[in-house]
Amino acid sequence: PEVEPDEWIEAEAIVLATGGLSFPRTGSDGTGYALALALGHTLVPPIPALTPLASEDGLCRLAQGVTHDVALTLWSGSRRVVTVRGSMLIAHFGYSGPAALDLSRHWLRAADDPARRVTMSLAPGERSDTLLAAWLGAVAAGPRARLRNWLGRWMPDRLALVLCDEVGVES
């Protein structure tokens, strides 16, 4: 129903959709937060979301431009906080793409946690013991099997090459 400017409506809840802080030229300049506070509401402190994960990992420089389906897990000590799965782009500055962007909000929320860390599975859905058994089976079946070729089942060849070089395995 249409409401007249001087008419009051009683409601149990309302949605105040004003935008955030992300793009001031479009009106997302934080004014909505000030309005909500002025009306007596409390705010959960906003954090950036959908941001790339910066890293100094040498893998980023060596494999930049590679896109791969991964599972990223955020840990707090030995406790798994969240796991996200999806496509990830390795960039010269770190990690981007849907999986990294999705994980970024959790990473930033845990900024005060000195025990936070992220692990990456390049073969999501596979268990390490199953992969090891498959590799040992491949070697038993063909002693001249190359790890780089075998890894190609789960990742782009360029990434397999970088990983083999990193651990000192002839590719």
Protein backbone atom coordinates (compact mmCIF):
# COMPACT_ATOMS: atom_id res chain seq x y z
CA PRO A 1 0.00 0.00 0.00
CA GLU A 2 1.08 3.54 -0.70
CA VAL A 3 1.84 5.62 2.40
CA GLU A 4 1.34 9.34 2.77
CA PRO A 5 4.37 11.33 4.06
CA ASP A 6 2.73 12.21 7.39
CA GLU A 7 1.27 8.74 7.98
CA TRP A 8 2.82 6.31 10.49
CA ILE A 9 3.03 2.55 9.90
CA GLU A 10 3.67 0.11 12.69
CA ALA A 11 5.95 -2.82 11.80
CA GLU A 12 7.91 -5.48 13.65
CA ALA A 13 10.89 -5.04 11.33
CA ILE A 14 12.06 -2.90 8.45
CA VAL A 15 14.85 -3.20 5.93
CA LEU A 16 17.02 -0.14 5.48
CA ALA A 17 18.83 -0.72 2.18
CA THR A 18 21.19 2.18 1.61
CA GLY A 19 24.32 0.69 0.11
CA GLY A 20 27.67 0.39 1.78
CA LEU A 21 31.06 2.05 1.46
CA SER A 22 32.32 0.45 -1.71
CA PHE A 23 31.74 3.06 -4.42
CA PRO A 24 31.15 6.64 -3.20
CA ARG A 25 30.46 8.02 -6.70
CA THR A 26 27.32 5.85 -6.82
CA GLY A 27 26.11 6.87 -3.38
CA SER A 28 27.74 4.02 -1.47
CA ASP A 29 29.57 6.45 0.77
CA GLY A 30 28.50 5.33 4.24
CA THR A 31 25.61 7.78 4.58
CA GLY A 32 23.24 4.87 5.20
CA TYR A 33 25.31 3.76 8.18
CA ALA A 34 25.14 7.25 9.67
CA LEU A 35 21.36 7.28 9.12
CA ALA A 36 20.91 3.90 10.84
CA LEU A 37 23.00 5.02 13.82
CA ALA A 38 21.08 8.31 14.04
CA LEU A 39 17.87 6.28 14.23
CA GLY A 40 19.27 4.37 17.20
CA HIS A 41 20.24 1.14 15.46
CA THR A 42 23.44 -0.75 16.10
CA LEU A 43 25.75 -1.84 13.32
CA VAL A 44 27.93 -4.84 12.86
CA PRO A 45 31.22 -3.25 11.78
CA PRO A 46 31.45 -3.57 8.00
CA ILE A 47 34.36 -5.43 6.48
CA PRO A 48 35.50 -5.65 2.89
CA ALA A 49 34.12 -8.61 0.99
CA LEU A 50 34.88 -10.10 -2.39
CA THR A 51 38.51 -9.02 -2.26
CA PRO A 52 41.48 -11.00 -3.58
CA LEU A 53 43.78 -12.73 -1.10
CA ALA A 54 47.24 -11.15 -1.21
CA SER A 55 50.19 -13.50 -0.83
CA GLU A 56 53.95 -13.50 -1.16
CA ASP A 57 53.90 -17.21 -2.03
CA GLY A 58 56.38 -17.91 -4.83
CA LEU A 59 53.70 -20.04 -6.49
CA CYS A 60 51.88 -16.83 -7.39
CA ARG A 61 54.77 -15.47 -9.43
CA LEU A 62 55.55 -18.81 -11.08
CA ALA A 63 51.99 -19.87 -11.92
CA GLN A 64 50.28 -16.53 -12.45
CA GLY A 65 47.42 -16.72 -14.88
CA VAL A 66 46.54 -20.34 -14.05
CA THR A 67 42.90 -20.97 -13.17
CA HIS A 68 41.93 -24.12 -11.33
CA ASP A 69 39.07 -25.59 -9.27
CA VAL A 70 40.18 -25.68 -5.62
CA ALA A 71 38.92 -26.01 -2.07
CA LEU A 72 40.17 -23.30 0.29
CA THR A 73 39.88 -23.85 4.03
CA LEU A 74 40.25 -21.19 6.70
CA TRP A 75 41.61 -22.54 9.98
CA SER A 76 41.85 -21.09 13.47
CA GLY A 77 44.55 -23.20 15.07
CA SER A 78 43.34 -26.77 14.56
CA ARG A 79 39.67 -25.77 14.07
CA ARG A 80 38.27 -25.55 10.56
CA VAL A 81 36.27 -22.33 10.28
CA VAL A 82 34.97 -22.63 6.72
CA THR A 83 35.75 -24.34 3.42
CA VAL A 84 34.82 -22.87 0.06
CA ARG A 85 35.14 -24.58 -3.28
CA GLY A 86 35.28 -23.10 -6.74
CA SER A 87 37.45 -21.67 -9.42
CA MET A 88 40.55 -19.77 -8.35
CA LEU A 89 42.93 -17.61 -10.36
CA ILE A 90 46.58 -17.50 -9.36
CA ALA A 91 47.75 -13.90 -9.84
CA HIS A 92 51.14 -12.23 -9.41
CA PHE A 93 49.89 -10.59 -6.18
CA GLY A 94 48.07 -13.59 -4.69
CA TYR A 95 44.82 -15.43 -5.32
CA SER A 96 41.60 -14.27 -6.96
CA GLY A 97 38.58 -15.81 -8.62
CA PRO A 98 35.32 -16.95 -7.03
CA ALA A 99 36.81 -19.26 -4.36
CA ALA A 100 39.34 -16.72 -3.07
CA LEU A 101 36.84 -13.86 -3.24
CA ASP A 102 34.29 -15.91 -1.29
CA LEU A 103 36.83 -16.83 1.40
CA SER A 104 38.08 -13.23 1.78
CA ARG A 105 35.20 -12.10 4.01
CA HIS A 106 35.89 -14.93 6.46
CA TRP A 107 39.64 -14.17 6.39
CA LEU A 108 39.03 -10.50 7.13
CA ARG A 109 36.52 -11.26 9.92
CA ALA A 110 39.22 -13.36 11.60
CA ALA A 111 41.86 -10.60 11.33
CA ASP A 112 42.42 -10.56 15.11
CA ASP A 113 43.11 -14.30 15.20
CA PRO A 114 46.89 -14.92 15.27
CA ALA A 115 46.25 -18.62 14.54
CA ARG A 116 44.34 -18.06 11.29
CA ARG A 117 45.68 -19.68 8.14
CA VAL A 118 44.39 -20.90 4.79
CA THR A 119 45.07 -24.25 3.18
CA MET A 120 44.35 -25.12 -0.43
CA SER A 121 43.39 -28.44 -1.97
CA LEU A 122 44.26 -28.66 -5.64
CA ALA A 123 42.29 -31.92 -5.87
CA PRO A 124 39.05 -31.01 -4.06
CA GLY A 125 37.00 -33.95 -2.93
CA GLU A 126 40.02 -36.25 -2.93
CA ARG A 127 41.63 -37.47 0.29
CA SER A 128 45.41 -37.44 0.70
CA ASP A 129 45.55 -41.17 1.53
CA THR A 130 43.51 -41.99 -1.58
CA LEU A 131 45.78 -39.84 -3.75
CA LEU A 132 48.90 -41.44 -2.28
CA ALA A 133 47.51 -44.92 -2.91
CA ALA A 134 46.64 -43.96 -6.50
CA TRP A 135 50.17 -42.59 -7.06
CA LEU A 136 51.78 -45.72 -5.60
CA GLY A 137 49.51 -47.81 -7.82
CA ALA A 138 50.54 -45.79 -10.88
CA VAL A 139 54.22 -46.27 -10.04
CA ALA A 140 53.74 -49.99 -9.46
CA ALA A 141 51.96 -50.32 -12.81
CA GLY A 142 54.56 -48.26 -14.67
CA PRO A 143 57.81 -47.60 -12.80
CA ARG A 144 58.68 -44.87 -15.31
CA ALA A 145 55.51 -42.92 -14.47
CA ARG A 146 56.09 -39.20 -14.22
CA LEU A 147 54.54 -37.28 -11.36
CA ARG A 148 53.88 -34.28 -13.59
CA ASN A 149 51.78 -36.36 -16.00
CA TRP A 150 49.94 -38.07 -13.16
CA LEU A 151 49.16 -34.72 -11.50
CA GLY A 152 47.65 -33.64 -14.81
CA ARG A 153 44.53 -35.60 -13.83
CA TRP A 154 43.79 -33.00 -11.17
CA MET A 155 45.34 -29.75 -12.38
CA PRO A 156 46.62 -27.82 -15.38
CA ASP A 157 50.01 -29.01 -16.66
CA ARG A 158 51.67 -25.67 -15.93
CA LEU A 159 50.67 -25.89 -12.28
CA ALA A 160 51.86 -29.50 -12.08
CA LEU A 161 55.22 -28.41 -13.53
CA VAL A 162 55.62 -25.60 -10.98
CA LEU A 163 54.75 -27.94 -8.09
CA CYS A 164 57.20 -30.62 -9.26
CA ASP A 165 59.95 -28.00 -9.57
CA GLU A 166 59.11 -26.63 -6.11
CA VAL A 167 59.62 -30.02 -4.43
CA GLY A 168 62.59 -30.98 -6.58
CA VAL A 169 60.95 -33.75 -8.61
CA GLU A 170 62.15 -34.10 -12.19
CA SER A 171 59.27 -33.25 -14.46
